[in-house]
Structure formats: structure tokens, C-alpha cells
Amino acid sequence: MKRTFRAALLFLGLATAAAAAQKTDTLKVAGWHSSGDAYKSEQAVRAVKGVVRVETDKVKAELTVTYDDAATNRAAIEKAVAGAGYSVKK
């Protein structure tokens, strides 16, 4: 009985971990003219629940974000960039 219970707990734990995967997206951002613009976008994206890591490249006008896809999605990240005053190129 204990063995069956432990096996069930292990299975549920693995199933939950598999469902909550990290995803990385690179977004092209329009409207950056300085390092401050990139920083402002970065801070806005960091505030999104589920975001794990954010990197910006001002020269390429790119924002690379790693996030837990069970907690957030690309649309929420794009909304944060828009809220900071910039737009994501499609």
C-alpha cells in the first residue's frame, strides 16, 4: 500500500514538472534609442510573473526572455513591453 502511494506521488510530481516547462523567446523591439530604453523594457518584462531571465541587446533591438510557460505566455510579455512604451515587431 505504501509503495503504491509513493509511486502515485512520484508520478504526479513528474507530471507536474513536465507540464511546467521553461520556454525562451527572442522579441524584436521597436522604439529603443538608448540603453535606458532597453533597461526600461527589461524591467517591465522582469515584473511579469513567471519570467525567469531577461537579456537585452540594444544594437540588435532584441529582448530575449526565458519564462515558465505554465505561469505566463508571449502575449503577456509583449503587453509588458507595450506598457513600457515600446512595441514588438511581428
C-alpha atoms as a PDB file:
ATOM      1  CA  MET A   1       0.000   0.000   0.000  1.00  0.00           C
ATOM      2  CA  LYS A   2       2.764   2.453   0.927  1.00  0.00           C
ATOM      3  CA  ARG A   3       4.622   1.517  -2.208  1.00  0.00           C
ATOM      4  CA  THR A   4       1.606   2.233  -4.407  1.00  0.00           C
ATOM      5  CA  PHE A   5       1.048   5.557  -2.659  1.00  0.00           C
ATOM      6  CA  ARG A   6       4.694   6.593  -3.166  1.00  0.00           C
ATOM      7  CA  ALA A   7       4.560   5.588  -6.813  1.00  0.00           C
ATOM      8  CA  ALA A   8       1.421   7.691  -7.295  1.00  0.00           C
ATOM      9  CA  LEU A   9       3.057  10.702  -5.623  1.00  0.00           C
ATOM     10  CA  LEU A  10       6.148  10.305  -7.782  1.00  0.00           C
ATOM     11  CA  PHE A  11       4.040  10.103 -10.931  1.00  0.00           C
ATOM     12  CA  LEU A  12       2.056  13.221 -10.009  1.00  0.00           C
ATOM     13  CA  GLY A  13       5.238  15.112  -9.216  1.00  0.00           C
ATOM     14  CA  LEU A  14       6.823  14.196 -12.537  1.00  0.00           C
ATOM     15  CA  ALA A  15       3.664  15.025 -14.460  1.00  0.00           C
ATOM     16  CA  THR A  16       3.511  18.476 -12.867  1.00  0.00           C
ATOM     17  CA  ALA A  17       7.188  19.137 -13.557  1.00  0.00           C
ATOM     18  CA  ALA A  18       6.784  18.118 -17.194  1.00  0.00           C
ATOM     19  CA  ALA A  19       3.811  20.424 -17.661  1.00  0.00           C
ATOM     20  CA  ALA A  20       5.665  23.479 -16.342  1.00  0.00           C
ATOM     21  CA  ALA A  21       8.455  23.811 -18.876  1.00  0.00           C
ATOM     22  CA  GLN A  22      10.646  26.815 -19.462  1.00  0.00           C
ATOM     23  CA  LYS A  23      10.471  28.498 -22.823  1.00  0.00           C
ATOM     24  CA  THR A  24      12.788  31.079 -24.378  1.00  0.00           C
ATOM     25  CA  ASP A  25      11.647  33.658 -26.942  1.00  0.00           C
ATOM     26  CA  THR A  26      13.522  36.468 -28.647  1.00  0.00           C
ATOM     27  CA  LEU A  27      11.470  39.552 -29.440  1.00  0.00           C
ATOM     28  CA  LYS A  28      12.423  42.378 -31.808  1.00  0.00           C
ATOM     29  CA  VAL A  29      11.519  45.657 -30.129  1.00  0.00           C
ATOM     30  CA  ALA A  30      10.761  48.930 -31.907  1.00  0.00           C
ATOM     31  CA  GLY A  31      11.384  52.326 -30.336  1.00  0.00           C
ATOM     32  CA  TRP A  32      14.652  51.810 -28.494  1.00  0.00           C
ATOM     33  CA  HIS A  33      17.032  54.750 -28.917  1.00  0.00           C
ATOM     34  CA  SER A  34      19.271  54.332 -25.874  1.00  0.00           C
ATOM     35  CA  SER A  35      20.383  51.883 -23.215  1.00  0.00           C
ATOM     36  CA  GLY A  36      17.749  53.405 -20.965  1.00  0.00           C
ATOM     37  CA  ASP A  37      15.012  52.269 -23.340  1.00  0.00           C
ATOM     38  CA  ALA A  38      16.301  48.702 -23.292  1.00  0.00           C
ATOM     39  CA  TYR A  39      16.584  48.843 -19.497  1.00  0.00           C
ATOM     40  CA  LYS A  40      13.020  50.120 -19.136  1.00  0.00           C
ATOM     41  CA  SER A  41      11.709  47.247 -21.280  1.00  0.00           C
ATOM     42  CA  GLU A  42      13.817  44.727 -19.382  1.00  0.00           C
ATOM     43  CA  GLN A  43      12.453  45.873 -16.028  1.00  0.00           C
ATOM     44  CA  ALA A  44       8.866  45.759 -17.283  1.00  0.00           C
ATOM     45  CA  VAL A  45       9.312  42.180 -18.518  1.00  0.00           C
ATOM     46  CA  ARG A  46      11.054  41.098 -15.295  1.00  0.00           C
ATOM     47  CA  ALA A  47       7.924  42.160 -13.413  1.00  0.00           C
ATOM     48  CA  VAL A  48       5.797  39.600 -15.284  1.00  0.00           C
ATOM     49  CA  LYS A  49       5.037  36.626 -13.037  1.00  0.00           C
ATOM     50  CA  GLY A  50       6.753  33.513 -14.410  1.00  0.00           C
ATOM     51  CA  VAL A  51       9.649  35.307 -16.102  1.00  0.00           C
ATOM     52  CA  VAL A  52      12.931  33.651 -15.152  1.00  0.00           C
ATOM     53  CA  ARG A  53      15.541  35.559 -17.152  1.00  0.00           C
ATOM     54  CA  VAL A  54      15.700  38.624 -19.411  1.00  0.00           C
ATOM     55  CA  GLU A  55      18.543  39.817 -21.612  1.00  0.00           C
ATOM     56  CA  THR A  56      18.563  42.794 -23.960  1.00  0.00           C
ATOM     57  CA  ASP A  57      20.727  43.615 -26.958  1.00  0.00           C
ATOM     58  CA  LYS A  58      20.342  47.306 -27.750  1.00  0.00           C
ATOM     59  CA  VAL A  59      22.322  47.071 -31.010  1.00  0.00           C
ATOM     60  CA  LYS A  60      20.035  44.359 -32.414  1.00  0.00           C
ATOM     61  CA  ALA A  61      16.966  45.803 -30.639  1.00  0.00           C
ATOM     62  CA  GLU A  62      16.229  42.345 -29.219  1.00  0.00           C
ATOM     63  CA  LEU A  63      14.896  41.178 -25.894  1.00  0.00           C
ATOM     64  CA  THR A  64      15.441  37.510 -25.030  1.00  0.00           C
ATOM     65  CA  VAL A  65      13.233  36.168 -22.270  1.00  0.00           C
ATOM     66  CA  THR A  66      13.061  32.799 -20.550  1.00  0.00           C
ATOM     67  CA  TYR A  67       9.813  32.078 -18.760  1.00  0.00           C
ATOM     68  CA  ASP A  68       7.705  29.338 -17.207  1.00  0.00           C
ATOM     69  CA  ASP A  69       5.071  28.676 -19.849  1.00  0.00           C
ATOM     70  CA  ALA A  70       2.654  27.409 -17.214  1.00  0.00           C
ATOM     71  CA  ALA A  71       2.726  30.809 -15.485  1.00  0.00           C
ATOM     72  CA  THR A  72       2.825  33.248 -18.413  1.00  0.00           C
ATOM     73  CA  ASN A  73       2.962  33.466 -22.193  1.00  0.00           C
ATOM     74  CA  ARG A  74       4.405  35.548 -25.010  1.00  0.00           C
ATOM     75  CA  ALA A  75       1.316  37.753 -25.187  1.00  0.00           C
ATOM     76  CA  ALA A  76       1.754  38.820 -21.547  1.00  0.00           C
ATOM     77  CA  ILE A  77       5.410  39.613 -22.203  1.00  0.00           C
ATOM     78  CA  GLU A  78       4.527  41.649 -25.298  1.00  0.00           C
ATOM     79  CA  LYS A  79       1.924  43.506 -23.216  1.00  0.00           C
ATOM     80  CA  ALA A  80       4.619  44.385 -20.652  1.00  0.00           C
ATOM     81  CA  VAL A  81       6.861  45.748 -23.422  1.00  0.00           C
ATOM     82  CA  ALA A  82       3.935  47.811 -24.738  1.00  0.00           C
ATOM     83  CA  GLY A  83       3.229  49.050 -21.217  1.00  0.00           C
ATOM     84  CA  ALA A  84       6.803  50.334 -21.066  1.00  0.00           C
ATOM     85  CA  GLY A  85       6.130  52.401 -24.195  1.00  0.00           C
ATOM     86  CA  TYR A  86       7.593  50.194 -26.948  1.00  0.00           C
ATOM     87  CA  SER A  87       6.248  47.742 -29.494  1.00  0.00           C
ATOM     88  CA  VAL A  88       7.212  44.233 -30.505  1.00  0.00           C
ATOM     89  CA  LYS A  89       7.801  43.722 -34.218  1.00  0.00           C
ATOM     90  CA  LYS A  90       5.863  40.769 -35.619  1.00  0.00           C
END
